[in-house]
Amino acid sequence: MDLIYKPWPWYVSGPLIALVMFLLIMIGKRFGMSSNLRTLCTICGAGKHANFFKFDWKSQKWNLVVVLGTIIGGFIGANFLSPDISVNINPDTISELNSLGFSSAGTTYLPTELFGTDVFSDIKGMALLIIGGLLVGFGARYAGGCTSGHAISGLSNLQMPSLIAVIGFFIGGLFMVHVLFPLIF
């Protein structure tokens, strides 16, 4: 396997994330993805219907560049830097996922049972997507930011609310994976 296809080691990617956060702190900016949804809704005119969307969205243009970079980087990574679409995960995890009905476990990054086009014709799949989207949206709004904003930016700024939110994210994720997920599937 060529060197270009290996994931970046922590000692490269970690300092790069730290450098970006240092630069954002120095220029007085905060990083987060969920705030971009508010900015996009404001650009589309949502401020005419709700006060939450009445703010100077032009001050957030820089953050929209982050979203564009994420989309472009994801496309480049998936299409030009990945030799195949399989995921190197533990064989025990693959067999457990297979027992839950995920036949694509270990062969793709996203399970086709949840993210394939067939989900749009399945009532259970659509219900999970809608309920999950509402819960994520509500959670990000209620917590005052998304996981990336709190875990990367908030913790870099030593904010106690972000530490509490990140602990809550982890507890919720563990509860979902170990309690709710087996019940749903």
N, C-alpha and C. Protein backbone atom coordinates (compact mmCIF):
# COMPACT_ATOMS: atom_id res chain seq x y z
N MET A 1 0.85 -1.17 0.00
CA MET A 1 0.00 0.00 0.00
C MET A 1 0.89 1.23 0.00
N ASP A 2 0.58 2.19 -0.85
CA ASP A 2 1.37 3.41 -0.92
C ASP A 2 1.21 4.23 0.35
N LEU A 3 2.21 5.00 0.65
CA LEU A 3 2.20 5.86 1.83
C LEU A 3 1.04 6.84 1.80
N ILE A 4 0.66 7.32 0.62
CA ILE A 4 -0.39 8.31 0.51
C ILE A 4 -1.75 7.77 0.99
N TYR A 5 -1.94 6.46 0.95
CA TYR A 5 -3.22 5.87 1.30
C TYR A 5 -3.35 5.56 2.79
N LYS A 6 -2.29 5.69 3.54
CA LYS A 6 -2.36 5.40 4.96
C LYS A 6 -2.98 6.59 5.69
N PRO A 7 -3.73 6.34 6.76
CA PRO A 7 -4.28 7.47 7.51
C PRO A 7 -3.14 8.29 8.12
N TRP A 8 -3.40 9.56 8.29
CA TRP A 8 -2.39 10.40 8.91
C TRP A 8 -2.21 9.98 10.35
N PRO A 9 -0.99 9.84 10.81
CA PRO A 9 -0.77 9.46 12.20
C PRO A 9 -1.16 10.61 13.13
N TRP A 10 -1.43 10.27 14.37
CA TRP A 10 -1.87 11.27 15.34
C TRP A 10 -0.86 12.39 15.51
N TYR A 11 0.43 12.07 15.39
CA TYR A 11 1.45 13.09 15.62
C TYR A 11 1.55 14.08 14.46
N VAL A 12 0.82 13.84 13.36
CA VAL A 12 0.72 14.81 12.28
C VAL A 12 -0.63 15.53 12.36
N SER A 13 -1.71 14.75 12.40
CA SER A 13 -3.04 15.36 12.39
C SER A 13 -3.35 16.12 13.68
N GLY A 14 -2.93 15.61 14.82
CA GLY A 14 -3.19 16.29 16.10
C GLY A 14 -2.58 17.67 16.16
N PRO A 15 -1.28 17.81 15.88
CA PRO A 15 -0.70 19.16 15.87
C PRO A 15 -1.31 20.09 14.82
N LEU A 16 -1.74 19.54 13.68
CA LEU A 16 -2.39 20.39 12.67
C LEU A 16 -3.71 20.94 13.20
N ILE A 17 -4.49 20.09 13.88
CA ILE A 17 -5.73 20.57 14.49
C ILE A 17 -5.41 21.62 15.55
N ALA A 18 -4.38 21.36 16.36
CA ALA A 18 -3.98 22.33 17.39
C ALA A 18 -3.55 23.65 16.76
N LEU A 19 -2.84 23.59 15.65
CA LEU A 19 -2.41 24.81 14.97
C LEU A 19 -3.62 25.62 14.48
N VAL A 20 -4.57 24.93 13.87
CA VAL A 20 -5.79 25.62 13.40
C VAL A 20 -6.52 26.26 14.57
N MET A 21 -6.65 25.52 15.67
CA MET A 21 -7.35 26.07 16.84
C MET A 21 -6.58 27.26 17.42
N PHE A 22 -5.26 27.18 17.47
CA PHE A 22 -4.45 28.29 17.96
C PHE A 22 -4.68 29.54 17.11
N LEU A 23 -4.68 29.36 15.79
CA LEU A 23 -4.89 30.50 14.89
C LEU A 23 -6.29 31.09 15.08
N LEU A 24 -7.31 30.23 15.22
CA LEU A 24 -8.66 30.73 15.44
C LEU A 24 -8.78 31.49 16.75
N ILE A 25 -8.15 30.98 17.80
CA ILE A 25 -8.18 31.67 19.10
C ILE A 25 -7.48 33.02 18.98
N MET A 26 -6.37 33.07 18.26
CA MET A 26 -5.62 34.32 18.13
C MET A 26 -6.40 35.40 17.38
N ILE A 27 -7.25 34.98 16.43
CA ILE A 27 -8.03 35.98 15.69
C ILE A 27 -9.44 36.13 16.24
N GLY A 28 -9.71 35.48 17.37
CA GLY A 28 -10.99 35.66 18.04
C GLY A 28 -12.17 34.94 17.40
N LYS A 29 -11.92 33.83 16.74
CA LYS A 29 -12.99 33.07 16.08
C LYS A 29 -13.21 31.76 16.81
N ARG A 30 -14.43 31.21 16.66
CA ARG A 30 -14.76 29.91 17.23
C ARG A 30 -15.12 28.97 16.10
N PHE A 31 -14.74 27.71 16.25
CA PHE A 31 -14.99 26.70 15.22
C PHE A 31 -16.21 25.87 15.61
N GLY A 32 -17.03 25.57 14.63
CA GLY A 32 -18.17 24.69 14.84
C GLY A 32 -18.93 24.55 13.53
N MET A 33 -19.54 23.41 13.32
CA MET A 33 -20.27 23.18 12.08
C MET A 33 -21.76 23.52 12.19
N SER A 34 -22.37 23.27 13.34
CA SER A 34 -23.81 23.48 13.46
C SER A 34 -24.19 24.95 13.31
N SER A 35 -23.31 25.86 13.65
CA SER A 35 -23.61 27.29 13.49
C SER A 35 -23.75 27.67 12.02
N ASN A 36 -23.16 26.88 11.14
CA ASN A 36 -23.28 27.16 9.71
C ASN A 36 -24.69 26.94 9.20
N LEU A 37 -25.44 26.05 9.82
CA LEU A 37 -26.83 25.85 9.42
C LEU A 37 -27.62 27.13 9.69
N ARG A 38 -27.37 27.75 10.84
CA ARG A 38 -28.02 29.01 11.17
C ARG A 38 -27.67 30.07 10.14
N THR A 39 -26.39 30.13 9.76
CA THR A 39 -25.95 31.12 8.78
C THR A 39 -26.62 30.87 7.43
N LEU A 40 -26.68 29.62 6.99
CA LEU A 40 -27.32 29.31 5.71
C LEU A 40 -28.81 29.63 5.73
N CYS A 41 -29.48 29.33 6.84
CA CYS A 41 -30.91 29.65 6.95
C CYS A 41 -31.12 31.16 6.91
N THR A 42 -30.22 31.92 7.54
CA THR A 42 -30.31 33.38 7.52
C THR A 42 -30.12 33.91 6.11
N ILE A 43 -29.16 33.37 5.39
CA ILE A 43 -28.92 33.78 4.01
C ILE A 43 -30.16 33.54 3.15
N CYS A 44 -30.87 32.43 3.44
CA CYS A 44 -32.07 32.08 2.66
C CYS A 44 -33.31 32.85 3.11
N GLY A 45 -33.19 33.72 4.11
CA GLY A 45 -34.31 34.57 4.50
C GLY A 45 -35.09 34.12 5.71
N ALA A 46 -34.57 33.20 6.50
CA ALA A 46 -35.31 32.72 7.67
C ALA A 46 -35.50 33.80 8.73
N GLY A 47 -34.69 34.87 8.66
CA GLY A 47 -34.83 35.97 9.62
C GLY A 47 -36.16 36.68 9.52
N LYS A 48 -36.86 36.53 8.41
CA LYS A 48 -38.19 37.13 8.24
C LYS A 48 -39.24 36.41 9.08
N HIS A 49 -38.92 35.18 9.51
CA HIS A 49 -39.90 34.36 10.21
C HIS A 49 -39.53 34.06 11.66
N ALA A 50 -38.26 34.20 12.02
CA ALA A 50 -37.84 33.88 13.39
C ALA A 50 -36.68 34.79 13.80
N ASN A 51 -36.77 35.33 14.99
CA ASN A 51 -35.73 36.23 15.50
C ASN A 51 -34.38 35.56 15.64
N PHE A 52 -34.37 34.23 15.85
CA PHE A 52 -33.11 33.50 16.01
C PHE A 52 -32.20 33.69 14.80
N PHE A 53 -32.82 33.87 13.63
CA PHE A 53 -32.06 33.99 12.39
C PHE A 53 -31.76 35.44 12.01
N LYS A 54 -32.07 36.37 12.88
CA LYS A 54 -31.77 37.78 12.61
C LYS A 54 -30.42 38.12 13.22
N PHE A 55 -29.38 38.03 12.42
CA PHE A 55 -28.04 38.42 12.85
C PHE A 55 -27.21 38.72 11.60
N ASP A 56 -26.06 39.29 11.79
CA ASP A 56 -25.18 39.66 10.69
C ASP A 56 -24.45 38.41 10.18
N TRP A 57 -25.04 37.74 9.19
CA TRP A 57 -24.47 36.51 8.69
C TRP A 57 -23.14 36.74 7.96
N LYS A 58 -22.92 37.97 7.50
CA LYS A 58 -21.68 38.25 6.77
C LYS A 58 -20.45 38.12 7.68
N SER A 59 -20.68 38.25 9.00
CA SER A 59 -19.55 38.07 9.92
C SER A 59 -19.15 36.61 10.03
N GLN A 60 -19.97 35.71 9.51
CA GLN A 60 -19.70 34.27 9.56
C GLN A 60 -19.27 33.68 8.21
N LYS A 61 -18.98 34.55 7.23
CA LYS A 61 -18.58 34.04 5.91
C LYS A 61 -17.36 33.14 5.99
N TRP A 62 -16.43 33.47 6.87
CA TRP A 62 -15.21 32.68 7.00
C TRP A 62 -15.53 31.24 7.38
N ASN A 63 -16.57 31.04 8.20
CA ASN A 63 -16.93 29.70 8.66
C ASN A 63 -17.58 28.89 7.53
N LEU A 64 -18.23 29.57 6.59
CA LEU A 64 -18.79 28.87 5.43
C LEU A 64 -17.67 28.32 4.55
N VAL A 65 -16.53 28.99 4.55
CA VAL A 65 -15.36 28.48 3.81
C VAL A 65 -14.90 27.16 4.43
N VAL A 66 -15.00 27.05 5.77
CA VAL A 66 -14.66 25.80 6.45
C VAL A 66 -15.56 24.66 5.96
N VAL A 67 -16.86 24.94 5.82
CA VAL A 67 -17.79 23.92 5.33
C VAL A 67 -17.42 23.52 3.90
N LEU A 68 -17.17 24.50 3.06
CA LEU A 68 -16.78 24.21 1.68
C LEU A 68 -15.50 23.38 1.64
N GLY A 69 -14.53 23.74 2.48
CA GLY A 69 -13.29 22.97 2.56
C GLY A 69 -13.52 21.55 3.04
N THR A 70 -14.45 21.38 3.97
CA THR A 70 -14.79 20.03 4.46
C THR A 70 -15.39 19.19 3.34
N ILE A 71 -16.27 19.78 2.57
CA ILE A 71 -16.90 19.06 1.46
C ILE A 71 -15.86 18.70 0.40
N ILE A 72 -15.05 19.66 0.02
CA ILE A 72 -14.02 19.41 -0.99
C ILE A 72 -13.00 18.39 -0.48
N GLY A 73 -12.56 18.56 0.78
CA GLY A 73 -11.60 17.61 1.36
C GLY A 73 -12.16 16.20 1.44
N GLY A 74 -13.44 16.08 1.82
CA GLY A 74 -14.07 14.76 1.87
C GLY A 74 -14.14 14.12 0.49
N PHE A 75 -14.48 14.92 -0.52
CA PHE A 75 -14.53 14.40 -1.89
C PHE A 75 -13.15 13.94 -2.36
N ILE A 76 -12.15 14.76 -2.12
CA ILE A 76 -10.78 14.39 -2.52
C ILE A 76 -10.32 13.14 -1.79
N GLY A 77 -10.58 13.10 -0.48
CA GLY A 77 -10.18 11.94 0.31
C GLY A 77 -10.85 10.66 -0.14
N ALA A 78 -12.16 10.74 -0.44
CA ALA A 78 -12.90 9.55 -0.83
C ALA A 78 -12.59 9.10 -2.25
N ASN A 79 -12.35 10.04 -3.14
CA ASN A 79 -12.20 9.69 -4.55
C ASN A 79 -10.75 9.58 -5.03
N PHE A 80 -9.81 10.23 -4.35
CA PHE A 80 -8.44 10.23 -4.84
C PHE A 80 -7.42 9.69 -3.84
N LEU A 81 -7.77 9.63 -2.57
CA LEU A 81 -6.79 9.19 -1.57
C LEU A 81 -7.15 7.87 -0.90
N SER A 82 -8.20 7.22 -1.37
CA SER A 82 -8.63 5.95 -0.78
C SER A 82 -8.51 4.85 -1.81
N PRO A 83 -7.70 3.83 -1.54
CA PRO A 83 -7.53 2.76 -2.52
C PRO A 83 -8.77 1.89 -2.66
N ASP A 84 -9.55 1.76 -1.60
CA ASP A 84 -10.79 1.00 -1.67
C ASP A 84 -11.75 1.57 -0.63
N ILE A 85 -12.97 1.04 -0.61
CA ILE A 85 -13.97 1.59 0.29
C ILE A 85 -14.19 0.72 1.53
N SER A 86 -13.31 -0.24 1.75
CA SER A 86 -13.48 -1.10 2.92
C SER A 86 -12.89 -0.45 4.16
N VAL A 87 -13.38 -0.90 5.30
CA VAL A 87 -12.94 -0.37 6.58
C VAL A 87 -12.25 -1.49 7.34
N ASN A 88 -11.11 -1.19 7.90
CA ASN A 88 -10.36 -2.17 8.67
C ASN A 88 -10.85 -2.14 10.12
N ILE A 89 -11.87 -2.95 10.40
CA ILE A 89 -12.40 -3.01 11.76
C ILE A 89 -12.26 -4.43 12.30
N ASN A 90 -12.37 -4.55 13.59
CA ASN A 90 -12.19 -5.82 14.29
C ASN A 90 -13.17 -6.87 13.74
N PRO A 91 -12.70 -8.10 13.48
CA PRO A 91 -13.59 -9.15 12.98
C PRO A 91 -14.76 -9.45 13.94
N ASP A 92 -14.54 -9.30 15.25
CA ASP A 92 -15.64 -9.50 16.20
C ASP A 92 -16.74 -8.46 16.00
N THR A 93 -16.33 -7.22 15.70
CA THR A 93 -17.30 -6.16 15.44
C THR A 93 -18.07 -6.46 14.16
N ILE A 94 -17.38 -6.95 13.14
CA ILE A 94 -18.04 -7.30 11.88
C ILE A 94 -19.08 -8.39 12.11
N SER A 95 -18.72 -9.43 12.87
CA SER A 95 -19.68 -10.52 13.09
C SER A 95 -20.86 -10.03 13.94
N GLU A 96 -20.62 -9.13 14.90
CA GLU A 96 -21.72 -8.60 15.71
C GLU A 96 -22.66 -7.75 14.84
N LEU A 97 -22.08 -6.93 13.97
CA LEU A 97 -22.90 -6.13 13.07
C LEU A 97 -23.65 -7.01 12.07
N ASN A 98 -23.01 -8.06 11.59
CA ASN A 98 -23.70 -9.00 10.70
C ASN A 98 -24.89 -9.64 11.39
N SER A 99 -24.74 -9.97 12.69
CA SER A 99 -25.85 -10.56 13.43
C SER A 99 -27.00 -9.58 13.61
N LEU A 100 -26.70 -8.27 13.56
CA LEU A 100 -27.74 -7.25 13.66
C LEU A 100 -28.35 -6.92 12.29
N GLY A 101 -27.86 -7.58 11.23
CA GLY A 101 -28.43 -7.36 9.90
C GLY A 101 -27.63 -6.45 9.00
N PHE A 102 -26.43 -6.09 9.40
CA PHE A 102 -25.60 -5.21 8.58
C PHE A 102 -24.62 -6.07 7.79
N SER A 103 -25.05 -6.49 6.61
CA SER A 103 -24.21 -7.37 5.79
C SER A 103 -23.05 -6.61 5.16
N SER A 104 -23.11 -5.29 5.12
CA SER A 104 -22.03 -4.49 4.53
C SER A 104 -20.94 -4.13 5.53
N ALA A 105 -21.03 -4.63 6.75
CA ALA A 105 -20.04 -4.30 7.79
C ALA A 105 -18.64 -4.70 7.35
N GLY A 106 -17.70 -3.77 7.42
CA GLY A 106 -16.33 -4.04 7.06
C GLY A 106 -16.03 -3.90 5.58
N THR A 107 -17.05 -3.67 4.76
CA THR A 107 -16.82 -3.54 3.32
C THR A 107 -16.98 -2.11 2.82
N THR A 108 -17.68 -1.27 3.57
CA THR A 108 -17.87 0.13 3.20
C THR A 108 -17.74 1.01 4.44
N TYR A 109 -17.46 2.29 4.23
CA TYR A 109 -17.37 3.21 5.36
C TYR A 109 -18.74 3.45 5.99
N LEU A 110 -19.76 3.59 5.17
CA LEU A 110 -21.11 3.81 5.67
C LEU A 110 -21.96 2.57 5.35
N PRO A 111 -22.64 2.01 6.35
CA PRO A 111 -23.45 0.83 6.08
C PRO A 111 -24.59 1.15 5.11
N THR A 112 -24.65 0.37 4.04
CA THR A 112 -25.68 0.61 3.03
C THR A 112 -27.08 0.40 3.59
N GLU A 113 -27.19 -0.37 4.66
CA GLU A 113 -28.50 -0.60 5.27
C GLU A 113 -29.06 0.68 5.90
N LEU A 114 -28.19 1.60 6.26
CA LEU A 114 -28.63 2.89 6.83
C LEU A 114 -28.49 4.04 5.84
N PHE A 115 -27.47 3.99 4.97
CA PHE A 115 -27.17 5.14 4.14
C PHE A 115 -27.32 4.88 2.64
N GLY A 116 -27.83 3.74 2.25
CA GLY A 116 -28.07 3.47 0.84
C GLY A 116 -29.35 4.13 0.38
N THR A 117 -29.58 4.13 -0.93
CA THR A 117 -30.79 4.76 -1.46
C THR A 117 -32.05 3.97 -1.11
N ASP A 118 -31.89 2.71 -0.73
CA ASP A 118 -33.05 1.90 -0.37
C ASP A 118 -33.74 2.41 0.89
N VAL A 119 -33.03 3.17 1.71
CA VAL A 119 -33.60 3.67 2.96
C VAL A 119 -34.80 4.59 2.69
N PHE A 120 -34.84 5.22 1.52
CA PHE A 120 -35.94 6.14 1.22
C PHE A 120 -37.24 5.42 0.89
N SER A 121 -37.18 4.13 0.63
CA SER A 121 -38.40 3.37 0.38
C SER A 121 -38.79 2.50 1.58
N ASP A 122 -38.02 2.58 2.64
CA ASP A 122 -38.27 1.79 3.85
C ASP A 122 -38.79 2.71 4.95
N ILE A 123 -39.96 2.40 5.49
CA ILE A 123 -40.58 3.24 6.51
C ILE A 123 -39.72 3.30 7.76
N LYS A 124 -39.18 2.17 8.19
CA LYS A 124 -38.34 2.15 9.39
C LYS A 124 -37.08 2.99 9.18
N GLY A 125 -36.44 2.85 8.03
CA GLY A 125 -35.24 3.62 7.74
C GLY A 125 -35.52 5.12 7.69
N MET A 126 -36.62 5.50 7.06
CA MET A 126 -36.98 6.93 6.99
C MET A 126 -37.28 7.47 8.38
N ALA A 127 -37.99 6.68 9.17
CA ALA A 127 -38.33 7.12 10.53
C ALA A 127 -37.05 7.32 11.35
N LEU A 128 -36.09 6.40 11.23
CA LEU A 128 -34.83 6.55 11.95
C LEU A 128 -34.07 7.79 11.51
N LEU A 129 -34.04 8.06 10.20
CA LEU A 129 -33.35 9.25 9.71
C LEU A 129 -34.01 10.54 10.21
N ILE A 130 -35.32 10.58 10.16
CA ILE A 130 -36.05 11.78 10.58
C ILE A 130 -35.91 12.00 12.08
N ILE A 131 -36.14 10.96 12.85
CA ILE A 131 -36.03 11.08 14.32
C ILE A 131 -34.59 11.41 14.71
N GLY A 132 -33.63 10.72 14.10
CA GLY A 132 -32.22 10.99 14.39
C GLY A 132 -31.83 12.41 14.04
N GLY A 133 -32.29 12.90 12.89
CA GLY A 133 -31.99 14.27 12.48
C GLY A 133 -32.58 15.29 13.43
N LEU A 134 -33.82 15.05 13.85
CA LEU A 134 -34.44 15.96 14.82
C LEU A 134 -33.71 15.96 16.15
N LEU A 135 -33.32 14.78 16.62
CA LEU A 135 -32.61 14.70 17.90
C LEU A 135 -31.23 15.35 17.83
N VAL A 136 -30.53 15.15 16.72
CA VAL A 136 -29.22 15.78 16.57
C VAL A 136 -29.38 17.30 16.49
N GLY A 137 -30.35 17.76 15.71
CA GLY A 137 -30.59 19.20 15.61
C GLY A 137 -30.98 19.81 16.93
N PHE A 138 -31.89 19.16 17.65
CA PHE A 138 -32.31 19.65 18.97
C PHE A 138 -31.13 19.63 19.93
N GLY A 139 -30.36 18.55 19.92
CA GLY A 139 -29.23 18.43 20.83
C GLY A 139 -28.18 19.49 20.57
N ALA A 140 -27.88 19.74 19.30
CA ALA A 140 -26.87 20.76 18.97
C ALA A 140 -27.35 22.15 19.40
N ARG A 141 -28.63 22.41 19.21
CA ARG A 141 -29.18 23.72 19.61
C ARG A 141 -29.23 23.83 21.13
N TYR A 142 -29.68 22.80 21.79
CA TYR A 142 -29.81 22.81 23.25
C TYR A 142 -28.44 22.90 23.93
N ALA A 143 -27.45 22.23 23.36
CA ALA A 143 -26.10 22.24 23.93
C ALA A 143 -25.32 23.48 23.53
N GLY A 144 -25.89 24.30 22.66
CA GLY A 144 -25.18 25.51 22.23
C GLY A 144 -24.07 25.23 21.25
N GLY A 145 -24.15 24.11 20.55
CA GLY A 145 -23.14 23.78 19.55
C GLY A 145 -23.09 22.29 19.30
N CYS A 146 -22.37 21.92 18.27
CA CYS A 146 -22.26 20.52 17.89
C CYS A 146 -21.04 19.87 18.54
N THR A 147 -20.85 18.61 18.27
CA THR A 147 -19.73 17.87 18.87
C THR A 147 -18.39 18.46 18.46
N SER A 148 -18.25 18.84 17.19
CA SER A 148 -16.96 19.40 16.75
C SER A 148 -16.71 20.75 17.41
N GLY A 149 -17.74 21.56 17.53
CA GLY A 149 -17.57 22.87 18.16
C GLY A 149 -17.18 22.77 19.61
N HIS A 150 -17.86 21.91 20.35
CA HIS A 150 -17.54 21.76 21.78
C HIS A 150 -16.23 21.00 21.99
N ALA A 151 -16.06 19.87 21.29
CA ALA A 151 -14.90 19.02 21.55
C ALA A 151 -13.60 19.64 21.06
N ILE A 152 -13.65 20.36 19.97
CA ILE A 152 -12.42 20.94 19.44
C ILE A 152 -12.25 22.38 19.91
N SER A 153 -13.21 23.21 19.61
CA SER A 153 -13.08 24.63 19.92
C SER A 153 -13.32 24.94 21.40
N GLY A 154 -14.40 24.42 21.94
CA GLY A 154 -14.73 24.71 23.34
C GLY A 154 -13.69 24.20 24.32
N LEU A 155 -13.22 22.97 24.10
CA LEU A 155 -12.19 22.44 25.00
C LEU A 155 -10.86 23.17 24.82
N SER A 156 -10.57 23.62 23.60
CA SER A 156 -9.34 24.39 23.37
C SER A 156 -9.38 25.72 24.12
N ASN A 157 -10.60 26.26 24.29
CA ASN A 157 -10.77 27.51 25.03
C ASN A 157 -10.99 27.28 26.52
N LEU A 158 -10.86 26.01 26.95
CA LEU A 158 -11.02 25.64 28.37
C LEU A 158 -12.38 26.05 28.93
N GLN A 159 -13.44 25.84 28.14
CA GLN A 159 -14.78 26.21 28.57
C GLN A 159 -15.44 25.03 29.29
N MET A 160 -15.87 25.27 30.52
CA MET A 160 -16.52 24.23 31.32
C MET A 160 -17.80 23.71 30.65
N PRO A 161 -18.66 24.57 30.06
CA PRO A 161 -19.86 24.04 29.39
C PRO A 161 -19.52 23.06 28.27
N SER A 162 -18.41 23.29 27.58
CA SER A 162 -18.00 22.38 26.52
C SER A 162 -17.55 21.05 27.09
N LEU A 163 -16.85 21.07 28.21
CA LEU A 163 -16.45 19.83 28.86
C LEU A 163 -17.68 19.02 29.27
N ILE A 164 -18.66 19.69 29.85
CA ILE A 164 -19.90 19.02 30.25
C ILE A 164 -20.62 18.47 29.03
N ALA A 165 -20.69 19.26 27.95
CA ALA A 165 -21.35 18.81 26.73
C ALA A 165 -20.64 17.60 26.14
N VAL A 166 -19.31 17.61 26.09
CA VAL A 166 -18.55 16.48 25.52
C VAL A 166 -18.77 15.22 26.36
N ILE A 167 -18.76 15.35 27.67
CA ILE A 167 -19.05 14.20 28.53
C ILE A 167 -20.45 13.67 28.23
N GLY A 168 -21.41 14.58 28.07
CA GLY A 168 -22.78 14.18 27.71
C GLY A 168 -22.85 13.49 26.36
N PHE A 169 -22.07 13.99 25.38
CA PHE A 169 -22.04 13.36 24.05
C PHE A 169 -21.54 11.93 24.16
N PHE A 170 -20.48 11.73 24.94
CA PHE A 170 -19.91 10.38 25.08
C PHE A 170 -20.88 9.45 25.80
N ILE A 171 -21.50 9.93 26.86
CA ILE A 171 -22.47 9.10 27.58
C ILE A 171 -23.64 8.75 26.67
N GLY A 172 -24.14 9.74 25.94
CA GLY A 172 -25.24 9.48 25.00
C GLY A 172 -24.85 8.51 23.91
N GLY A 173 -23.63 8.65 23.38
CA GLY A 173 -23.16 7.73 22.35
C GLY A 173 -23.03 6.31 22.86
N LEU A 174 -22.47 6.16 24.04
CA LEU A 174 -22.36 4.82 24.63
C LEU A 174 -23.73 4.21 24.90
N PHE A 175 -24.65 5.02 25.41
CA PHE A 175 -26.01 4.54 25.66
C PHE A 175 -26.68 4.09 24.35
N MET A 176 -26.49 4.88 23.31
CA MET A 176 -27.09 4.55 22.02
C MET A 176 -26.53 3.24 21.48
N VAL A 177 -25.21 3.11 21.49
CA VAL A 177 -24.58 1.93 20.89
C VAL A 177 -24.87 0.65 21.68
N HIS A 178 -24.83 0.75 23.00
CA HIS A 178 -24.93 -0.47 23.81
C HIS A 178 -26.34 -0.79 24.29
N VAL A 179 -27.25 0.19 24.29
CA VAL A 179 -28.61 -0.07 24.80
C VAL A 179 -29.65 0.07 23.69
N LEU A 180 -29.72 1.23 23.05
CA LEU A 180 -30.77 1.49 22.07
C LEU A 180 -30.53 0.79 20.72
N PHE A 181 -29.31 0.82 20.24
CA PHE A 181 -29.01 0.25 18.92
C PHE A 181 -29.42 -1.22 18.82
N PRO A 182 -29.07 -2.07 19.80
CA PRO A 182 -29.52 -3.45 19.71
C PRO A 182 -31.06 -3.60 19.75
N LEU A 183 -31.73 -2.70 20.43
CA LEU A 183 -33.20 -2.76 20.48
C LEU A 183 -33.83 -2.37 19.14
N ILE A 184 -33.21 -1.41 18.46
CA ILE A 184 -33.75 -0.93 17.17
C ILE A 184 -33.53 -1.98 16.09
N PHE A 185 -32.35 -2.61 16.11
CA PHE A 185 -32.04 -3.59 15.08
C PHE A 185 -32.07 -4.94 15.70
